[in-house]
N, C-alpha and C. Protein backbone atom coordinates (compact mmCIF):
# COMPACT_ATOMS: atom_id res chain seq x y z
N MET A 1 0.84 -1.19 -0.04
CA MET A 1 -0.10 0.04 0.29
C MET A 1 1.12 1.18 -0.12
N ASN A 2 0.46 2.39 -0.52
CA ASN A 2 1.09 3.51 -0.89
C ASN A 2 0.70 4.74 0.45
N GLY A 3 0.00 4.19 1.46
CA GLY A 3 -0.21 4.85 2.43
C GLY A 3 -1.34 6.21 2.23
N LYS A 4 -2.04 6.02 1.05
CA LYS A 4 -3.01 6.68 0.53
C LYS A 4 -4.53 6.20 0.79
N ALA A 5 -5.58 6.96 1.28
CA ALA A 5 -6.60 6.21 0.98
C ALA A 5 -7.32 6.18 -0.15
N PRO A 6 -7.92 4.85 -0.48
CA PRO A 6 -8.55 4.52 -1.80
C PRO A 6 -9.79 5.71 -2.03
N SER A 7 -9.68 6.13 -3.27
CA SER A 7 -10.55 7.00 -3.77
C SER A 7 -11.86 6.82 -3.65
N GLY A 8 -13.12 7.52 -3.07
CA GLY A 8 -14.27 7.16 -2.69
C GLY A 8 -14.45 6.65 -1.43
N SER A 9 -13.69 6.34 -0.71
CA SER A 9 -13.85 5.96 0.94
C SER A 9 -14.21 7.08 1.84
N VAL A 10 -15.32 6.88 2.70
CA VAL A 10 -15.50 8.01 3.35
C VAL A 10 -14.85 7.73 4.87
N GLY A 11 -14.23 9.00 5.35
CA GLY A 11 -13.87 9.06 6.72
C GLY A 11 -12.60 8.29 6.73
N SER A 12 -11.67 8.25 5.64
CA SER A 12 -10.61 7.48 5.66
C SER A 12 -9.55 8.55 5.49
N VAL A 13 -9.43 9.79 6.26
CA VAL A 13 -8.42 10.57 6.03
C VAL A 13 -7.24 10.38 7.22
N SER A 14 -5.89 10.20 6.72
CA SER A 14 -4.94 9.73 7.56
C SER A 14 -4.51 10.70 8.32
N ARG A 15 -4.15 10.52 9.43
CA ARG A 15 -3.47 11.45 10.46
C ARG A 15 -1.89 11.05 10.70
N PRO A 16 -1.25 11.85 10.08
CA PRO A 16 0.55 11.45 10.59
C PRO A 16 0.58 11.42 12.13
N GLY A 17 1.17 10.36 12.68
CA GLY A 17 1.62 10.18 13.93
C GLY A 17 0.31 9.28 14.78
N LEU A 18 -0.80 8.98 14.46
CA LEU A 18 -1.83 8.44 15.01
C LEU A 18 -2.07 6.96 14.26
N SER A 19 -2.04 6.06 15.05
CA SER A 19 -2.11 4.67 14.46
C SER A 19 -3.53 4.61 14.16
N GLY A 20 -3.94 3.58 13.44
CA GLY A 20 -5.20 3.28 12.93
C GLY A 20 -5.91 2.76 14.32
N ASN A 21 -5.50 1.91 15.20
CA ASN A 21 -6.02 1.61 16.28
C ASN A 21 -6.29 2.91 17.10
N LEU A 22 -5.52 3.84 17.13
CA LEU A 22 -5.68 5.02 17.99
C LEU A 22 -6.82 5.88 17.47
N GLN A 23 -6.75 6.05 16.24
CA GLN A 23 -8.04 6.82 15.40
C GLN A 23 -9.37 5.93 15.76
N GLY A 24 -9.42 4.70 15.71
CA GLY A 24 -10.47 4.14 15.81
C GLY A 24 -11.04 4.22 17.10
N ALA A 25 -10.21 4.04 18.57
CA ALA A 25 -10.64 4.32 19.68
C ALA A 25 -11.04 5.96 19.88
N LEU A 26 -10.26 6.86 19.42
CA LEU A 26 -10.95 8.09 19.22
C LEU A 26 -12.32 8.13 18.62
N TRP A 27 -12.43 7.60 17.43
CA TRP A 27 -13.71 7.91 16.82
C TRP A 27 -15.02 7.17 17.63
N MET A 28 -14.48 5.96 18.56
CA MET A 28 -15.23 5.41 19.38
C MET A 28 -15.70 6.28 20.62
N LEU A 29 -14.59 6.96 21.10
CA LEU A 29 -15.04 7.79 22.30
C LEU A 29 -15.79 8.89 21.66
N VAL A 30 -15.49 9.54 20.43
CA VAL A 30 -16.44 10.65 19.92
C VAL A 30 -17.96 10.17 19.91
N SER A 31 -18.00 8.87 19.23
CA SER A 31 -19.36 8.62 18.86
C SER A 31 -20.18 8.01 20.19
N GLY A 32 -19.42 7.67 20.98
CA GLY A 32 -20.14 7.21 22.45
C GLY A 32 -20.95 8.71 23.09
N ALA A 33 -19.69 9.93 23.01
CA ALA A 33 -20.20 10.91 23.62
C ALA A 33 -21.30 11.62 23.05
N GLY A 34 -21.40 11.22 21.60
CA GLY A 34 -22.37 11.99 20.80
C GLY A 34 -23.80 11.21 21.14
N TYR A 35 -23.59 9.93 21.26
CA TYR A 35 -24.77 9.09 21.58
C TYR A 35 -25.32 9.38 22.84
N THR A 36 -24.63 9.70 23.91
CA THR A 36 -24.88 10.25 25.19
C THR A 36 -25.49 11.57 25.21
N LEU A 37 -24.93 12.32 24.50
CA LEU A 37 -25.84 13.67 24.38
C LEU A 37 -27.13 13.69 23.81
N HIS A 38 -27.19 12.72 22.78
CA HIS A 38 -28.39 12.61 21.97
C HIS A 38 -29.37 11.69 22.94
N ILE A 39 -29.14 11.17 23.73
CA ILE A 39 -30.11 10.58 24.54
C ILE A 39 -30.60 11.74 25.66
N ALA A 40 -29.76 12.26 26.25
CA ALA A 40 -29.76 13.43 27.28
C ALA A 40 -30.75 14.17 26.55
N LEU A 41 -30.35 15.01 25.24
CA LEU A 41 -31.05 16.13 24.74
C LEU A 41 -32.41 15.44 24.11
N ALA A 42 -32.62 14.15 24.09
CA ALA A 42 -33.91 13.44 23.44
C ALA A 42 -34.70 13.40 24.72
N LYS A 43 -34.52 13.19 25.91
CA LYS A 43 -34.96 13.07 27.14
C LYS A 43 -35.46 14.39 27.50
N GLU A 44 -34.50 15.62 27.43
CA GLU A 44 -35.04 17.05 27.78
C GLU A 44 -36.08 17.55 26.64
N ILE A 45 -35.97 16.94 25.49
CA ILE A 45 -36.78 17.68 24.25
C ILE A 45 -38.24 17.17 24.16
N THR A 46 -38.17 15.95 24.63
CA THR A 46 -39.53 15.19 24.50
C THR A 46 -40.87 15.45 25.04
N ALA A 47 -40.47 16.17 26.27
CA ALA A 47 -41.67 17.02 26.81
C ALA A 47 -42.37 17.82 25.97
N ASP A 48 -41.80 18.60 25.00
CA ASP A 48 -42.30 19.51 24.30
C ASP A 48 -42.50 19.28 22.72
N ALA A 49 -41.99 18.01 22.42
CA ALA A 49 -41.85 17.79 20.82
C ALA A 49 -42.47 16.48 20.41
N HIS A 50 -43.04 16.40 19.29
CA HIS A 50 -43.51 15.14 18.70
C HIS A 50 -42.54 14.35 18.40
N PRO A 51 -42.63 13.02 18.02
CA PRO A 51 -41.58 12.27 17.75
C PRO A 51 -41.28 12.42 16.20
N ILE A 52 -42.10 12.57 15.49
CA ILE A 52 -41.81 12.86 14.25
C ILE A 52 -40.88 14.12 14.02
N PHE A 53 -41.41 15.09 14.66
CA PHE A 53 -40.47 16.38 14.77
C PHE A 53 -38.98 16.04 15.27
N LEU A 54 -38.61 15.29 16.18
CA LEU A 54 -37.61 15.06 16.58
C LEU A 54 -36.69 13.83 15.59
N ALA A 55 -37.58 13.11 15.03
CA ALA A 55 -36.81 12.34 13.97
C ALA A 55 -36.41 13.12 13.08
N PHE A 56 -37.32 14.16 12.38
CA PHE A 56 -36.94 14.81 11.32
C PHE A 56 -35.61 15.55 11.78
N TRP A 57 -35.10 16.32 12.78
CA TRP A 57 -34.08 17.27 13.08
C TRP A 57 -32.94 16.27 13.27
N ARG A 58 -33.20 14.95 13.83
CA ARG A 58 -32.17 14.14 14.16
C ARG A 58 -31.43 13.69 12.86
N SER A 59 -32.36 13.54 11.69
CA SER A 59 -31.92 12.86 10.73
C SER A 59 -31.15 13.96 9.58
N PHE A 60 -31.77 15.06 10.02
CA PHE A 60 -31.13 16.53 9.25
C PHE A 60 -29.89 16.48 9.86
N LEU A 61 -29.68 16.84 11.06
CA LEU A 61 -28.39 16.92 11.79
C LEU A 61 -27.30 16.06 11.79
N ALA A 62 -27.64 14.46 11.07
CA ALA A 62 -26.86 13.46 10.85
C ALA A 62 -26.38 13.86 9.27
N PHE A 63 -27.21 14.06 8.64
CA PHE A 63 -26.95 14.55 7.44
C PHE A 63 -25.94 15.65 7.28
N LEU A 64 -26.28 16.77 7.98
CA LEU A 64 -24.94 18.08 8.03
C LEU A 64 -23.69 17.47 8.66
N ILE A 65 -23.80 16.70 9.60
CA ILE A 65 -22.41 16.12 10.29
C ILE A 65 -21.83 15.10 8.79
N ALA A 66 -22.58 14.51 8.17
CA ALA A 66 -21.95 13.64 7.38
C ALA A 66 -21.32 14.31 6.04
N MET A 67 -22.04 15.41 5.63
CA MET A 67 -21.40 15.95 4.63
C MET A 67 -19.99 16.71 4.57
N PRO A 68 -19.30 16.96 5.35
CA PRO A 68 -18.00 17.49 5.08
C PRO A 68 -17.19 16.02 5.00
N PHE A 69 -17.54 15.03 5.12
CA PHE A 69 -16.74 13.68 5.20
C PHE A 69 -16.95 13.45 3.69
N VAL A 70 -18.20 13.57 3.06
CA VAL A 70 -18.43 13.28 1.71
C VAL A 70 -17.80 14.34 0.79
N TRP A 71 -17.81 15.65 1.41
CA TRP A 71 -16.94 16.75 0.50
C TRP A 71 -15.68 16.29 0.56
N ILE A 72 -15.04 15.79 1.69
CA ILE A 72 -13.32 15.73 1.82
C ILE A 72 -13.36 14.31 0.87
N GLY A 73 -13.74 13.43 1.10
CA GLY A 73 -13.18 11.96 0.59
C GLY A 73 -14.06 11.69 -0.79
N GLY A 74 -15.29 12.43 -0.76
CA GLY A 74 -15.80 12.01 -2.10
C GLY A 74 -16.55 10.77 -2.02
N VAL A 75 -17.66 10.62 -2.70
CA VAL A 75 -18.43 9.08 -2.54
C VAL A 75 -18.80 8.98 -3.85
N LYS A 76 -18.44 7.71 -4.42
CA LYS A 76 -19.18 7.27 -5.68
C LYS A 76 -19.83 5.92 -5.28
N ILE A 77 -21.11 6.00 -5.82
CA ILE A 77 -22.04 4.86 -5.58
C ILE A 77 -22.10 3.93 -7.05
N HIS A 78 -21.26 2.74 -6.79
CA HIS A 78 -21.16 1.67 -7.71
C HIS A 78 -22.43 0.69 -7.47
N THR A 79 -23.35 0.77 -8.30
CA THR A 79 -24.34 -0.13 -8.24
C THR A 79 -25.32 -0.37 -9.50
N ALA A 80 -25.46 -1.48 -9.69
CA ALA A 80 -26.18 -2.04 -10.79
C ALA A 80 -27.75 -1.65 -10.53
N ARG A 81 -28.04 -1.78 -9.12
CA ARG A 81 -29.57 -1.66 -8.85
C ARG A 81 -29.82 -0.52 -7.96
N PHE A 82 -29.69 0.71 -8.48
CA PHE A 82 -29.87 1.94 -7.93
C PHE A 82 -31.26 2.02 -7.25
N GLY A 83 -32.31 1.80 -7.91
CA GLY A 83 -33.83 1.60 -7.31
C GLY A 83 -33.88 0.92 -5.89
N ALA A 84 -33.23 -0.29 -5.96
CA ALA A 84 -33.43 -1.18 -4.94
C ALA A 84 -32.52 -0.52 -3.73
N LEU A 85 -31.47 0.18 -3.96
CA LEU A 85 -30.67 1.12 -3.13
C LEU A 85 -31.66 2.24 -2.10
N VAL A 86 -32.20 2.65 -3.34
CA VAL A 86 -33.22 4.00 -2.99
C VAL A 86 -34.13 3.40 -1.95
N THR A 87 -34.95 2.42 -2.55
CA THR A 87 -35.89 1.53 -1.70
C THR A 87 -35.60 0.98 -0.27
N ARG A 88 -34.25 0.15 -0.35
CA ARG A 88 -34.17 0.31 0.87
C ARG A 88 -33.58 1.22 1.91
N SER A 89 -33.22 2.42 1.26
CA SER A 89 -32.76 3.62 2.39
C SER A 89 -34.20 3.95 2.64
N LEU A 90 -35.37 4.33 2.07
CA LEU A 90 -36.69 4.73 2.33
C LEU A 90 -37.43 3.71 3.32
N ILE A 91 -36.92 2.54 3.24
CA ILE A 91 -37.48 1.57 4.22
C ILE A 91 -36.91 1.55 5.56
N GLY A 92 -35.60 1.89 5.69
CA GLY A 92 -34.85 2.07 6.54
C GLY A 92 -35.38 3.43 7.68
N SER A 93 -35.21 4.53 6.75
CA SER A 93 -35.85 5.80 7.18
C SER A 93 -37.05 5.58 7.92
N ALA A 94 -38.09 4.80 7.03
CA ALA A 94 -39.62 4.76 7.91
C ALA A 94 -39.34 3.77 9.18
N GLY A 95 -38.59 2.85 8.90
CA GLY A 95 -38.31 2.03 10.41
C GLY A 95 -37.59 2.91 11.24
N PHE A 96 -37.09 3.81 11.16
CA PHE A 96 -36.50 4.59 12.18
C PHE A 96 -37.38 5.64 12.97
N VAL A 97 -38.37 6.06 11.91
CA VAL A 97 -39.73 7.07 12.18
C VAL A 97 -40.49 6.32 13.23
N PHE A 98 -40.86 4.99 12.67
CA PHE A 98 -41.90 4.09 13.39
C PHE A 98 -41.24 3.49 14.52
N GLY A 99 -39.96 3.50 14.76
CA GLY A 99 -39.48 2.60 15.77
C GLY A 99 -39.15 3.71 16.74
N LEU A 100 -38.98 5.08 16.66
CA LEU A 100 -38.70 6.18 17.54
C LEU A 100 -40.44 6.36 18.14
N ILE A 101 -41.34 5.99 17.25
CA ILE A 101 -42.88 6.40 17.72
C ILE A 101 -43.08 5.54 18.59
N ALA A 102 -42.68 3.85 18.58
CA ALA A 102 -42.75 2.94 18.99
C ALA A 102 -42.29 3.11 20.69
N ILE A 103 -40.84 3.74 20.72
CA ILE A 103 -40.38 3.87 22.04
C ILE A 103 -40.77 5.11 22.82
N TRP A 104 -41.48 5.83 22.22
CA TRP A 104 -41.90 7.36 22.65
C TRP A 104 -41.90 7.27 24.12
N PRO A 105 -43.02 6.59 24.52
CA PRO A 105 -43.13 6.48 26.10
C PRO A 105 -41.98 6.24 26.98
N ILE A 106 -41.00 5.62 26.66
CA ILE A 106 -39.94 5.56 27.30
C ILE A 106 -39.17 6.90 27.67
N PHE A 107 -39.22 7.87 26.73
CA PHE A 107 -38.40 9.14 26.86
C PHE A 107 -38.99 10.24 28.16
N GLY A 108 -40.21 9.57 28.41
CA GLY A 108 -41.19 10.47 29.22
C GLY A 108 -41.01 9.83 30.83
N LEU A 109 -40.48 8.56 30.85
CA LEU A 109 -40.28 8.11 32.06
C LEU A 109 -39.19 8.71 32.75
N PRO A 110 -39.22 8.69 34.26
CA PRO A 110 -38.45 9.22 35.06
C PRO A 110 -37.03 8.45 35.04
N LEU A 111 -35.79 9.11 35.30
CA LEU A 111 -34.76 8.23 35.00
C LEU A 111 -34.49 7.09 35.90
N ALA A 112 -35.01 7.27 37.13
CA ALA A 112 -35.08 6.15 38.22
C ALA A 112 -35.93 4.88 37.56
N GLU A 113 -37.25 5.22 37.24
CA GLU A 113 -37.99 4.13 36.71
C GLU A 113 -37.43 3.42 35.11
N PHE A 114 -36.67 4.27 34.52
CA PHE A 114 -36.26 3.85 33.13
C PHE A 114 -34.88 2.96 33.58
N ASN A 115 -34.31 3.02 34.51
CA ASN A 115 -32.95 2.18 34.73
C ASN A 115 -33.68 1.02 35.73
N ALA A 116 -34.50 1.03 36.04
CA ALA A 116 -35.14 -0.24 36.81
C ALA A 116 -35.38 -1.35 36.09
């Protein structure tokens, strides 16, 4: 290998001085902190907002966070079945929204009851 990231890969920006394992560990810490922040904000916001509203903003913010990685690394979709890919994406998005609606009452529970 020549040390360069393959074209079209997302998030494969190499950092001199950091091993791959260390980069992976840092990404895991960042994602864990992000997940914790997401749950805390969801618990706080759910008293005033509808689940579909929250699902929209969560998806929109995830899109905004992902876009710099797409712009830096570039993405090329190599598929012969683009329609199937779009259908799978739409079904996954609908599953996310319906899943959020299904667990909506959990966000309203006090923390002591949620952990019990």
